[in-house]
C-alpha cells in the first residue's frame, strides 16, 4: 500500500474510515519522510557529468533487469483533477443540510498501464479543532466520483472554514490526496466549506430498556435474547449503539427498528450458548451521536433508573478441551519459486463437551517469528464432538519467503474458549524465489562533499531520477551519481553489479540532514537483479552530524 500523499501540494494523512464525526484526529501534519517524499514527487535533479567518474545518466536507458512479474508496474498516483461541493456555505443551527461532493479522478499509471481508481472520499477538517468528517464517494460515469451527506443540526461543532480534502486509491494501492483549494474559483468558491453551527455537546440518553426474557434455560440448545433500548437525542441524532453483555462477554451492534435518529428504538440480540454455565448476564449500552458525543450506560445505571439490566442463565458447563487425535500435513517440502502452492492440513478432533464449532490453521514462520499464512478449518465429515477438519492454505509465490513453517491449529468450541496446538512434527520447508526489495543505508563524508548509499545486495538502475537527494526542507539537490561494485571498483550505475552509489552535489555542500528518495512516483528503475524495485516507502535518511 502506498501512503496518502498530495498531488502536487504537501501533506500526508492516514486513511480514514467512513463518516466519523466528532472523533479526535491530529491536525494534518507531515512526518519528515512523507514531506520529503511528496516534495520530490515529479522533481528530478539534472545529472552533471564529472570527469573520471562513472556517472548515472540524466535519462535512464532501458533497465538492465526486467521488472519482477510479482510487481505491479503501475507506480503512479491517481490524479484528482477537479473537486467541488454543491453548497459552499451550510447553516446547521436549526436544520439539516444535504451537501453533494463531486470529484473528477483519472489514473494513468506509469511506468506501466494504470490499474484504475478503486475508491475515493472527501475529508473535512474543522478549523483549529480535531473534529473531522469523511464522506465516501461512489463512481459515476467516466471519471466522475460523487457522494452525498445530510448534516444534522449541531453535527459539525465548529463554525468557520472547514478544509476540504479529496483522496483516491487505485488498484495497485497507490494513493493521493488533494486539497480543494487547488480548485478555488475567485469570487465563487475558495475551496473551503463555510459552516455556521451551534455545537451539539450532549450525548444521547436511554429513556427505556426492555429484555425479552428474565431467565434463559440453554441446557438443551442455545437461546437468543432480544434487548430493546429507546433513545433520545434532540440535536445531531444517534450514530451508533453497542450492547455489551457479560458471561460470555460479547459486544453487539444494535440497529434501529423504530423511530428516527432523534427518537427511536434500537434492537440487539444476545446469543446464549449451551455451555455458558450458571450465571447472571449483565447488560450495558454504549451510545454515540453524530457530533461525537459519547455515553456509556452501565447495568447499575439501568437498575437505578428502574430499567431491566440483565437476565439469568442456566446452562451446562464445559470443563474439557478438544483433543487432536490425528494430524496430517500434505507436504513437508513446498517449492513456490515459479508458481503458487497449496498446503493441506487435516486434523481429527474429538471433544466430550460442547463440541468444536470451528477453527483455523496458522503457518508460523520460524525464522521471521511471525504468522505467514492462515486458513479456516472446515469439517469434512462427523460432528462437533468427533470430526475430521481440513484447512486449505493457498501460498502466494510472490509473498512467500524461504523458511521453515510450523503449523499451529486453533480450535474454538461452542462454549467459547479457543485452544492452540503446535504441530512441531509436521513442519513445512519452503523454497521461494527472491521477492524481497533491496534496502540501503546512507553515510555522509565529514566534509559534506559526498553521500554514499550502501545496498544490501547488487542493484541496477541508479540515476538522478531513481535516487533523488532531498534536503530537510523538501528541496531536491542537483549532482552526480557514481557507482562501485562489491570490491569497490567503478561500475556503470545502470549495470548489474552496483553495491554502492556515491552522490556528489553540484556547487554546494550537502545539507546537515536530509534523505534520498528511492523510486519516486512513476519510476521503478532502481531494482535488484531479481527485478524487485526498491520500495517507494523507503526514504534513506542521512545526517552529517551522525
Protein backbone atom coordinates (compact mmCIF):
# COMPACT_ATOMS: atom_id res chain seq x y z
CA UNK A 1 0.00 0.00 0.00
CA UNK A 2 1.19 3.48 -0.82
CA UNK A 3 0.92 6.26 1.76
CA UNK A 4 -1.59 9.06 1.28
CA UNK A 5 0.23 11.93 -0.33
CA UNK A 6 -0.76 15.09 -2.10
CA UNK A 7 -0.73 15.89 -5.76
CA UNK A 8 1.11 18.17 -6.03
CA UNK A 9 0.91 20.07 -2.75
CA UNK A 10 2.31 18.97 0.60
CA UNK A 11 0.55 16.69 3.02
CA UNK A 12 0.06 13.11 4.02
CA UNK A 13 -2.68 11.81 6.27
CA UNK A 14 -3.82 8.38 7.29
CA UNK A 15 -6.69 6.55 5.63
CA UNK A 16 -9.97 7.34 7.34
CA UNK A 17 -12.99 5.16 7.91
CA UNK A 18 -16.41 6.19 6.53
CA UNK A 19 -18.01 9.24 8.13
CA UNK A 20 -16.58 9.66 11.61
CA UNK A 21 -17.72 12.94 13.05
CA UNK A 22 -16.58 14.05 16.44
CA UNK A 23 -13.62 11.70 16.58
CA UNK A 24 -10.25 13.01 17.59
CA UNK A 25 -7.81 13.49 14.76
CA UNK A 26 -4.43 15.17 14.86
CA UNK A 27 -4.04 18.28 12.77
CA UNK A 28 -2.90 17.43 9.26
CA UNK A 29 0.83 17.18 9.65
CA UNK A 30 3.58 15.55 7.70
CA UNK A 31 6.34 13.38 9.06
CA UNK A 32 9.77 14.15 7.63
CA UNK A 33 9.77 11.02 5.48
CA UNK A 34 6.47 11.89 3.83
CA UNK A 35 7.29 15.58 3.47
CA UNK A 36 10.49 14.74 1.67
CA UNK A 37 8.80 12.10 -0.45
CA UNK A 38 5.99 14.39 -1.50
CA UNK A 39 8.16 17.42 -2.14
CA UNK A 40 10.30 15.49 -4.55
CA UNK A 41 7.40 13.94 -6.44
CA UNK A 42 7.85 14.90 -10.06
CA UNK A 43 11.03 16.86 -9.32
CA UNK A 44 14.11 15.41 -10.96
CA UNK A 45 17.53 16.87 -10.41
CA UNK A 46 19.72 17.31 -13.51
CA UNK A 47 22.70 14.99 -13.71
CA UNK A 48 26.08 16.59 -14.19
CA UNK A 49 29.00 14.64 -15.62
CA UNK A 50 32.17 14.64 -13.54
CA UNK A 51 35.44 13.81 -15.24
CA UNK A 52 36.88 10.42 -14.41
CA UNK A 53 33.74 9.07 -12.71
CA UNK A 54 31.19 6.56 -13.89
CA UNK A 55 28.16 8.84 -13.69
CA UNK A 56 24.48 7.92 -13.76
CA UNK A 57 22.84 9.19 -16.95
CA UNK A 58 20.35 12.03 -16.78
CA UNK A 59 17.84 9.95 -18.73
CA UNK A 60 17.95 6.24 -17.94
CA UNK A 61 18.12 3.72 -20.76
CA UNK A 62 16.01 0.57 -20.65
CA UNK A 63 16.64 -1.16 -17.31
CA UNK A 64 19.28 -3.88 -17.43
CA UNK A 65 16.99 -6.23 -15.49
CA UNK A 66 13.28 -6.71 -16.28
CA UNK A 67 10.74 -5.86 -13.61
CA UNK A 68 9.68 -8.82 -11.48
CA UNK A 69 6.31 -10.27 -12.58
CA UNK A 70 5.29 -10.05 -8.92
CA UNK A 71 5.50 -6.24 -9.03
CA UNK A 72 2.66 -4.07 -10.35
CA UNK A 73 4.10 -1.69 -12.96
CA UNK A 74 1.51 0.96 -12.05
CA UNK A 75 3.57 3.28 -9.86
CA UNK A 76 1.66 6.47 -10.50
CA UNK A 77 -0.84 8.21 -8.24
CA UNK A 78 -4.45 8.62 -9.29
CA UNK A 79 -4.91 12.31 -10.07
CA UNK A 80 -7.82 14.35 -8.67
CA UNK A 81 -8.34 16.91 -11.43
CA UNK A 82 -11.44 18.63 -10.03
CA UNK A 83 -13.27 18.81 -6.69
CA UNK A 84 -16.36 20.83 -5.83
CA UNK A 85 -19.24 20.99 -3.36
CA UNK A 86 -22.90 21.76 -4.06
CA UNK A 87 -23.22 24.17 -1.14
CA UNK A 88 -20.05 26.05 -0.17
CA UNK A 89 -21.95 27.51 2.82
CA UNK A 90 -24.05 25.44 5.24
CA UNK A 91 -26.08 26.67 8.21
CA UNK A 92 -26.60 23.89 10.77
CA UNK A 93 -28.00 25.98 13.59
CA UNK A 94 -31.57 24.76 13.20
CA UNK A 95 -32.00 22.43 10.20
CA UNK A 96 -30.29 19.52 8.48
CA UNK A 97 -28.47 20.28 5.21
CA UNK A 98 -27.73 17.99 2.27
CA UNK A 99 -24.33 18.53 0.64
CA UNK A 100 -23.07 16.84 -2.53
CA UNK A 101 -19.34 16.37 -3.17
CA UNK A 102 -18.15 15.72 -6.74
CA UNK A 103 -14.63 14.86 -7.92
CA UNK A 104 -13.02 14.09 -11.26
CA UNK A 105 -10.31 11.43 -10.89
CA UNK A 106 -8.07 9.81 -13.51
CA UNK A 107 -5.43 7.10 -13.25
CA UNK A 108 -2.82 6.92 -16.00
CA UNK A 109 -0.37 4.63 -14.20
CA UNK A 110 3.32 4.90 -15.18
CA UNK A 111 5.68 3.43 -15.92
CA UNK A 112 3.08 0.73 -16.76
CA UNK A 113 -0.62 0.99 -17.52
CA UNK A 114 -2.97 2.45 -14.93
CA UNK A 115 -4.77 -0.03 -12.68
CA UNK A 116 -7.88 2.15 -12.36
CA UNK A 117 -9.37 4.14 -9.49
CA UNK A 118 -10.95 1.82 -6.92
CA UNK A 119 -12.11 4.16 -4.14
CA UNK A 120 -12.40 7.83 -3.29
CA UNK A 121 -13.60 10.01 -0.45
CA UNK A 122 -13.75 13.59 0.76
CA UNK A 123 -12.48 14.55 4.21
CA UNK A 124 -13.40 17.68 6.11
CA UNK A 125 -11.24 19.14 8.86
CA UNK A 126 -12.50 21.72 11.31
CA UNK A 127 -10.58 24.96 11.81
CA UNK A 128 -8.49 24.87 14.99
CA UNK A 129 -10.09 21.62 16.12
CA UNK A 130 -9.52 17.88 15.96
CA UNK A 131 -13.04 17.19 14.67
CA UNK A 132 -13.20 15.76 11.17
CA UNK A 133 -15.62 14.03 8.83
CA UNK A 134 -15.17 11.63 5.92
CA UNK A 135 -17.73 11.21 3.13
CA UNK A 136 -17.26 8.19 0.80
CA UNK A 137 -17.61 8.83 -2.95
CA UNK A 138 -19.18 6.41 -5.43
CA UNK A 139 -18.13 6.00 -9.04
CA UNK A 140 -20.50 7.57 -11.55
CA UNK A 141 -19.81 7.81 -15.27
CA UNK A 142 -16.36 8.29 -16.78
CA UNK A 143 -14.03 9.99 -14.33
CA UNK A 144 -16.79 11.30 -12.04
CA UNK A 145 -17.00 10.27 -8.37
CA UNK A 146 -19.77 11.64 -6.15
CA UNK A 147 -21.09 11.39 -2.61
CA UNK A 148 -23.86 12.99 -0.56
CA UNK A 149 -24.29 13.51 3.14
CA UNK A 150 -27.07 15.10 5.18
CA UNK A 151 -25.50 17.03 8.05
CA UNK A 152 -27.72 17.19 11.14
CA UNK A 153 -28.09 20.31 13.32
CA UNK A 154 -25.04 20.72 15.53
CA UNK A 155 -23.28 17.73 13.95
CA UNK A 156 -20.36 19.89 12.87
CA UNK A 157 -19.48 21.50 16.18
CA UNK A 158 -17.17 24.29 14.96
CA UNK A 159 -18.18 27.31 12.90
CA UNK A 160 -15.77 28.63 10.30
CA UNK A 161 -13.87 27.46 7.21
CA UNK A 162 -13.61 23.68 7.08
CA UNK A 163 -10.75 22.35 4.99
CA UNK A 164 -11.90 20.07 2.13
CA UNK A 165 -9.57 17.26 1.04
CA UNK A 166 -10.10 14.70 -1.73
CA UNK A 167 -8.48 11.27 -1.54
CA UNK A 168 -8.27 8.47 -4.09
CA UNK A 169 -6.81 4.95 -4.35
CA UNK A 170 -6.11 2.79 -7.39
CA UNK A 171 -5.93 -0.96 -7.93
CA UNK A 172 -2.18 -1.05 -7.32
CA UNK A 173 -2.54 0.53 -3.87
CA UNK A 174 -1.26 3.95 -4.93
CA UNK A 175 -2.99 6.77 -3.06
CA UNK A 176 -3.25 10.50 -3.48
CA UNK A 177 -4.59 13.47 -1.54
CA UNK A 178 -5.62 16.82 -2.97
CA UNK A 179 -6.61 20.00 -1.18
CA UNK A 180 -9.75 21.51 -2.71
CA UNK A 181 -8.17 24.96 -2.51
CA UNK A 182 -6.29 23.98 -5.68
CA UNK A 183 -9.63 24.24 -7.50
CA UNK A 184 -10.79 27.52 -5.95
CA UNK A 185 -12.72 29.86 -8.22
CA UNK A 186 -12.16 33.54 -7.33
CA UNK A 187 -15.38 35.20 -6.30
CA UNK A 188 -17.26 31.88 -6.26
CA UNK A 189 -15.54 29.35 -4.01
CA UNK A 190 -12.29 29.45 -2.04
CA UNK A 191 -12.02 25.67 -1.67
CA UNK A 192 -13.38 25.58 1.90
CA UNK A 193 -16.75 24.59 3.37
CA UNK A 194 -18.05 27.55 5.38
CA UNK A 195 -20.09 26.32 8.35
CA UNK A 196 -22.39 28.14 10.76
CA UNK A 197 -23.44 25.95 13.64
CA UNK A 198 -24.44 25.72 17.27
CA UNK A 199 -22.46 22.81 18.65
CA UNK A 200 -24.21 19.69 19.90
CA UNK A 201 -22.38 18.77 23.11
CA UNK A 202 -24.98 16.48 24.71
CA UNK A 203 -24.73 12.70 24.32
CA UNK A 204 -27.80 10.54 23.59
CA UNK A 205 -29.72 9.20 26.59
CA UNK A 206 -31.64 5.99 27.28
CA UNK A 207 -35.32 6.60 28.04
CA UNK A 208 -36.38 2.94 28.50
CA UNK A 209 -34.98 -0.56 28.06
CA UNK A 210 -36.60 -3.97 27.64
CA UNK A 211 -35.31 -7.56 27.78
CA UNK A 212 -37.36 -10.33 26.18
CA UNK A 213 -36.56 -12.87 28.95
CA UNK A 214 -35.77 -12.59 32.62
CA UNK A 215 -34.30 -16.12 32.69
CA UNK A 216 -32.94 -18.42 29.99
CA UNK A 217 -32.51 -22.21 30.04
CA UNK A 218 -29.89 -23.17 27.44
CA UNK A 219 -29.13 -26.70 28.61
CA UNK A 220 -30.68 -28.33 25.52
CA UNK A 221 -29.83 -25.71 22.89
CA UNK A 222 -28.56 -22.18 22.55
CA UNK A 223 -31.02 -19.37 23.12
CA UNK A 224 -31.42 -15.80 21.87
CA UNK A 225 -32.48 -12.86 23.99
CA UNK A 226 -33.81 -9.65 22.48
CA UNK A 227 -32.79 -6.35 24.04
CA UNK A 228 -34.54 -3.08 23.10
CA UNK A 229 -33.43 0.39 24.14
CA UNK A 230 -35.29 3.58 23.39
CA UNK A 231 -33.04 6.60 22.91
CA UNK A 232 -33.42 10.34 22.61
CA UNK A 233 -31.03 12.85 21.03
CA UNK A 234 -32.57 16.18 20.13
CA UNK A 235 -29.72 17.67 18.06
CA UNK A 236 -27.41 15.73 15.73
CA UNK A 237 -29.05 12.32 16.21
CA UNK A 238 -27.78 8.88 17.22
CA UNK A 239 -24.91 7.45 15.17
CA UNK A 240 -24.18 4.12 16.87
CA UNK A 241 -25.45 1.90 19.68
CA UNK A 242 -23.44 -1.03 21.05
CA UNK A 243 -24.81 -3.51 23.59
CA UNK A 244 -22.32 -5.25 25.87
CA UNK A 245 -23.26 -8.47 27.64
CA UNK A 246 -21.17 -10.29 30.24
CA UNK A 247 -20.70 -14.04 30.69
CA UNK A 248 -19.81 -14.68 27.94
CA UNK A 249 -18.53 -11.23 27.08
CA UNK A 250 -19.99 -10.04 23.78
CA UNK A 251 -20.47 -6.68 22.11
CA UNK A 252 -23.33 -6.46 19.62
CA UNK A 253 -24.11 -3.52 17.38
CA UNK A 254 -27.78 -2.57 17.72
CA UNK A 255 -29.82 -1.45 14.74
CA UNK A 256 -32.67 1.00 14.63
CA UNK A 257 -36.04 -0.80 14.40
CA UNK A 258 -38.43 2.10 15.02
CA UNK A 259 -38.48 5.90 15.04
CA UNK A 260 -35.75 8.14 13.70
CA UNK A 261 -32.22 9.30 14.59
CA UNK A 262 -33.53 11.70 17.22
CA UNK A 263 -36.06 9.49 19.00
CA UNK A 264 -36.35 5.79 18.27
CA UNK A 265 -35.87 2.18 19.28
CA UNK A 266 -32.64 0.21 18.77
CA UNK A 267 -32.58 -3.59 18.97
CA UNK A 268 -29.79 -6.12 19.58
CA UNK A 269 -29.81 -9.89 20.09
CA UNK A 270 -27.67 -11.75 22.64
CA UNK A 271 -26.95 -15.43 21.95
CA UNK A 272 -26.57 -17.70 25.00
CA UNK A 273 -24.64 -20.91 24.20
CA UNK A 274 -25.42 -24.31 25.77
CA UNK A 275 -22.23 -24.23 27.80
CA UNK A 276 -22.32 -20.82 29.46
CA UNK A 277 -22.71 -22.19 32.99
CA UNK A 278 -24.99 -20.85 35.71
CA UNK A 279 -24.72 -17.08 35.97
CA UNK A 280 -26.25 -13.63 35.70
CA UNK A 281 -25.72 -11.78 32.43
CA UNK A 282 -25.39 -8.02 32.94
CA UNK A 283 -26.05 -5.53 30.15
CA UNK A 284 -24.60 -2.12 29.39
CA UNK A 285 -25.06 0.24 26.44
CA UNK A 286 -22.53 2.47 24.66
CA UNK A 287 -24.04 5.40 22.79
CA UNK A 288 -22.59 7.93 20.36
CA UNK A 289 -24.24 10.70 18.39
CA UNK A 290 -23.25 12.16 15.04
CA UNK A 291 -21.41 15.03 16.71
CA UNK A 292 -19.13 12.55 18.51
CA UNK A 293 -20.66 12.85 22.00
CA UNK A 294 -20.46 9.51 23.82
CA UNK A 295 -22.17 7.97 26.80
CA UNK A 296 -21.93 4.55 28.49
CA UNK A 297 -24.98 3.41 30.45
CA UNK A 298 -23.93 0.64 32.85
CA UNK A 299 -26.08 -2.13 34.30
CA UNK A 300 -26.01 -0.30 37.62
CA UNK A 301 -27.28 2.88 35.96
CA UNK A 302 -30.13 0.96 34.32
CA UNK A 303 -31.09 -0.53 37.68
CA UNK A 304 -31.11 2.90 39.31
CA UNK A 305 -33.46 4.07 36.58
CA UNK A 306 -35.67 1.01 37.30
CA UNK A 307 -34.97 -0.46 33.87
CA UNK A 308 -34.11 -4.12 33.03
CA UNK A 309 -30.35 -4.60 33.21
CA UNK A 310 -29.78 -8.30 32.53
CA UNK A 311 -31.09 -11.84 32.75
CA UNK A 312 -30.28 -15.16 34.45
CA UNK A 313 -28.76 -18.08 32.54
CA UNK A 314 -28.98 -21.78 33.29
CA UNK A 315 -26.84 -23.94 31.02
CA UNK A 316 -24.17 -26.63 31.01
CA UNK A 317 -20.52 -26.28 32.00
CA UNK A 318 -17.76 -27.45 29.67
CA UNK A 319 -14.60 -28.46 31.52
CA UNK A 320 -12.88 -30.49 28.77
CA UNK A 321 -10.74 -29.20 25.91
CA UNK A 322 -10.93 -30.67 22.39
CA UNK A 323 -8.28 -33.25 21.54
CA UNK A 324 -6.46 -33.72 18.23
CA UNK A 325 -6.14 -37.49 17.75
CA UNK A 326 -4.71 -37.49 14.21
CA UNK A 327 -2.99 -34.86 12.11
CA UNK A 328 -1.62 -34.83 8.57
CA UNK A 329 0.12 -32.14 6.51
CA UNK A 330 0.10 -32.73 2.75
CA UNK A 331 3.78 -31.86 2.25
CA UNK A 332 6.91 -31.20 4.25
CA UNK A 333 8.62 -29.52 1.29
CA UNK A 334 6.98 -26.71 -0.69
CA UNK A 335 8.55 -25.13 -3.80
CA UNK A 336 6.92 -21.83 -4.81
CA UNK A 337 9.73 -20.36 -6.89
CA UNK A 338 7.66 -20.22 -10.09
CA UNK A 339 4.04 -20.79 -9.08
CA UNK A 340 1.65 -20.64 -6.14
CA UNK A 341 1.46 -23.63 -3.82
CA UNK A 342 -1.07 -25.35 -1.57
CA UNK A 343 -0.71 -26.92 1.86
CA UNK A 344 -3.49 -29.17 3.18
CA UNK A 345 -3.75 -29.67 6.93
CA UNK A 346 -6.13 -32.42 8.16
CA UNK A 347 -6.89 -32.98 11.85
CA UNK A 348 -9.23 -35.44 13.52
CA UNK A 349 -10.70 -33.81 16.62
CA UNK A 350 -12.79 -35.22 19.47
CA UNK A 351 -14.49 -33.22 22.21
CA UNK A 352 -16.58 -34.65 25.04
CA UNK A 353 -18.01 -31.28 25.98
CA UNK A 354 -19.73 -28.57 23.97
CA UNK A 355 -18.19 -29.64 20.67
CA UNK A 356 -15.94 -27.86 18.21
CA UNK A 357 -17.60 -25.03 16.32
CA UNK A 358 -14.68 -24.08 14.07
CA UNK A 359 -11.05 -23.10 13.97
CA UNK A 360 -8.12 -22.16 11.80
CA UNK A 361 -4.61 -23.21 10.86
CA UNK A 362 -1.73 -20.75 11.09
CA UNK A 363 1.57 -21.41 9.32
CA UNK A 364 4.16 -19.84 11.61
CA UNK A 365 7.41 -18.67 10.01
CA UNK A 366 10.09 -19.88 12.42
CA UNK A 367 12.79 -17.55 11.05
CA UNK A 368 10.70 -14.37 10.90
CA UNK A 369 8.86 -15.27 14.12
CA UNK A 370 5.51 -14.32 12.71
CA UNK A 371 2.48 -15.90 11.08
CA UNK A 372 2.98 -16.32 7.33
CA UNK A 373 -0.45 -17.64 6.30
CA UNK A 374 -3.80 -18.57 7.83
CA UNK A 375 -6.74 -20.60 6.59
CA UNK A 376 -10.06 -21.62 8.19
CA UNK A 377 -10.72 -25.20 9.27
CA UNK A 378 -13.82 -26.73 7.69
CA UNK A 379 -15.47 -30.03 8.70
CA UNK A 380 -15.10 -32.87 6.19
CA UNK A 381 -17.33 -35.36 7.99
CA UNK A 382 -18.58 -36.05 11.52
CA UNK A 383 -19.93 -33.59 14.07
CA UNK A 384 -18.63 -31.12 16.63
CA UNK A 385 -17.78 -33.91 19.08
CA UNK A 386 -16.00 -36.20 16.62
CA UNK A 387 -14.96 -34.96 13.18
CA UNK A 388 -12.19 -34.56 10.64
CA UNK A 389 -11.39 -30.96 9.75
CA UNK A 390 -9.37 -29.62 6.84
CA UNK A 391 -7.62 -26.32 6.16
CA UNK A 392 -6.55 -25.44 2.62
CA UNK A 393 -3.71 -22.93 2.76
CA UNK A 394 -3.06 -21.14 -0.52
CA UNK A 395 0.53 -19.88 -0.68
CA UNK A 396 1.27 -16.93 -2.97
CA UNK A 397 4.65 -17.32 -4.65
CA UNK A 398 5.03 -13.53 -4.76
CA UNK A 399 4.83 -13.12 -0.97
CA UNK A 400 6.21 -16.39 0.38
CA UNK A 401 9.71 -16.38 1.87
CA UNK A 402 12.16 -19.29 2.04
CA UNK A 403 11.92 -20.57 5.58
CA UNK A 404 10.53 -23.34 7.77
CA UNK A 405 6.88 -23.08 8.78
CA UNK A 406 5.29 -24.75 11.79
CA UNK A 407 1.54 -25.42 11.59
CA UNK A 408 -0.49 -24.12 14.55
CA UNK A 409 -4.06 -25.42 14.95
CA UNK A 410 -6.57 -23.25 16.79
CA UNK A 411 -9.93 -24.77 17.76
CA UNK A 412 -12.98 -22.96 19.12
CA UNK A 413 -15.77 -24.75 20.97
CA UNK A 414 -19.44 -23.89 21.29
CA UNK A 415 -18.66 -22.95 24.88
CA UNK A 416 -16.41 -20.16 23.62
CA UNK A 417 -12.79 -20.96 24.63
CA UNK A 418 -10.08 -21.39 21.97
CA UNK A 419 -7.23 -23.89 22.24
CA UNK A 420 -3.97 -23.87 20.27
CA UNK A 421 -1.84 -26.87 19.33
CA UNK A 422 1.55 -26.61 17.63
CA UNK A 423 2.29 -29.43 15.17
CA UNK A 424 6.05 -29.40 15.70
CA UNK A 425 6.50 -32.74 13.93
CA UNK A 426 4.77 -31.50 10.76
CA UNK A 427 6.99 -28.57 9.80
CA UNK A 428 7.00 -27.40 6.17
CA UNK A 429 10.24 -26.36 4.45
CA UNK A 430 9.53 -23.58 1.92
CA UNK A 431 11.67 -22.65 -1.07
CA UNK A 432 10.80 -19.38 -2.81
CA UNK A 433 12.34 -17.02 -5.33
CA UNK A 434 13.76 -13.63 -4.39
CA UNK A 435 10.82 -11.25 -3.97
CA UNK A 436 12.40 -9.00 -1.33
CA UNK A 437 13.07 -5.38 -2.24
CA UNK A 438 16.65 -4.14 -1.87
CA UNK A 439 17.43 -1.89 1.08
CA UNK A 440 20.00 0.84 1.55
CA UNK A 441 21.72 2.89 4.21
CA UNK A 442 23.47 6.24 3.76
CA UNK A 443 26.66 7.81 5.06
CA UNK A 444 27.93 11.36 4.58
CA UNK A 445 31.56 12.42 4.49
CA UNK A 446 32.78 14.71 7.26
CA UNK A 447 33.35 17.47 4.70
CA UNK A 448 29.74 17.08 3.43
CA UNK A 449 31.07 16.82 -0.11
CA UNK A 450 29.54 13.42 -0.92
CA UNK A 451 26.97 10.89 0.21
CA UNK A 452 27.27 7.12 -0.20
CA UNK A 453 24.37 4.67 -0.48
CA UNK A 454 25.24 1.15 0.68
CA UNK A 455 22.89 -1.54 -0.70
CA UNK A 456 22.33 -4.91 0.94
CA UNK A 457 22.57 -6.66 -2.43
CA UNK A 458 23.63 -5.92 -6.00
CA UNK A 459 21.30 -3.47 -7.77
CA UNK A 460 20.95 -1.68 -11.07
CA UNK A 461 19.32 1.50 -12.35
CA UNK A 462 20.79 4.16 -10.06
CA UNK A 463 20.17 7.59 -11.61
CA UNK A 464 19.13 11.12 -10.77
CA UNK A 465 15.50 10.07 -11.39
CA UNK A 466 15.50 6.84 -9.35
CA UNK A 467 17.52 8.22 -6.39
CA UNK A 468 16.60 11.83 -5.58
CA UNK A 469 18.55 13.58 -2.82
CA UNK A 470 16.39 15.86 -0.68
CA UNK A 471 17.20 18.42 1.97
CA UNK A 472 15.19 18.50 5.17
CA UNK A 473 13.03 21.35 3.82
CA UNK A 474 11.92 19.19 0.89
CA UNK A 475 14.07 20.71 -1.85
CA UNK A 476 15.95 18.43 -4.25
CA UNK A 477 19.70 18.72 -4.87
CA UNK A 478 21.45 18.52 -8.24
CA UNK A 479 24.60 16.48 -8.58
CA UNK A 480 26.08 13.30 -9.99
CA UNK A 481 25.98 9.63 -9.01
CA UNK A 482 28.99 7.35 -9.40
CA UNK A 483 28.81 3.63 -8.62
CA UNK A 484 31.06 0.79 -7.48
CA UNK A 485 30.76 -3.00 -7.31
CA UNK A 486 31.30 -5.28 -4.33
CA UNK A 487 35.12 -5.00 -4.27
CA UNK A 488 34.82 -1.20 -4.66
CA UNK A 489 35.77 -0.94 -8.33
CA UNK A 490 33.97 1.61 -10.58
CA UNK A 491 30.98 0.19 -12.46
CA UNK A 492 28.19 1.74 -14.56
CA UNK A 493 25.25 2.81 -12.44
CA UNK A 494 22.91 1.17 -14.94
CA UNK A 495 24.96 -2.04 -14.87
CA UNK A 496 24.19 -5.16 -12.85
CA UNK A 497 26.84 -5.08 -10.12
CA UNK A 498 26.18 -1.89 -8.13
CA UNK A 499 26.72 -2.28 -4.39
CA UNK A 500 27.48 1.36 -3.52
CA UNK A 501 26.47 4.63 -5.13
CA UNK A 502 28.14 7.96 -4.35
CA UNK A 503 26.36 11.29 -4.82
CA UNK A 504 28.42 14.44 -5.30
CA UNK A 505 26.41 17.68 -5.13
CA UNK A 506 26.97 20.36 -7.75
CA UNK A 507 28.34 23.68 -6.47
CA UNK A 508 27.25 23.21 -2.87
CA UNK A 509 27.73 21.14 0.25
CA UNK A 510 25.26 18.51 1.37
CA UNK A 511 22.72 19.71 3.93
CA UNK A 512 23.27 18.72 7.54
CA UNK A 513 20.39 16.26 7.28
CA UNK A 514 18.05 15.01 4.57
CA UNK A 515 17.01 11.89 2.72
CA UNK A 516 17.39 10.02 -0.53
CA UNK A 517 14.06 9.07 -2.08
CA UNK A 518 14.32 5.80 -3.98
CA UNK A 519 11.99 5.17 -6.93
CA UNK A 520 9.72 8.22 -6.66
CA UNK A 521 6.32 8.25 -8.35
CA UNK A 522 6.28 6.78 -11.90
CA UNK A 523 9.84 5.41 -11.51
CA UNK A 524 10.75 1.77 -10.79
CA UNK A 525 14.24 1.66 -12.33
CA UNK A 526 16.28 1.07 -9.17
CA UNK A 527 15.88 -2.66 -8.61
CA UNK A 528 17.82 -5.75 -7.63
CA UNK A 529 18.92 -8.46 -10.06
CA UNK A 530 15.66 -10.37 -9.49
CA UNK A 531 13.70 -7.34 -10.69
CA UNK A 532 12.42 -6.23 -7.27
CA UNK A 533 12.36 -2.40 -7.15
CA UNK A 534 13.42 -0.50 -4.05
CA UNK A 535 10.24 0.31 -2.15
CA UNK A 536 8.71 3.76 -2.68
CA UNK A 537 8.16 3.99 1.05
CA UNK A 538 11.90 3.79 1.66
CA UNK A 539 13.39 7.20 2.34
CA UNK A 540 17.05 6.68 3.19
CA UNK A 541 17.94 9.31 5.78
CA UNK A 542 21.33 10.85 6.32
CA UNK A 543 22.85 13.27 8.79
CA UNK A 544 26.23 14.96 8.51
CA UNK A 545 26.46 15.08 12.29
CA UNK A 546 25.85 11.35 12.73
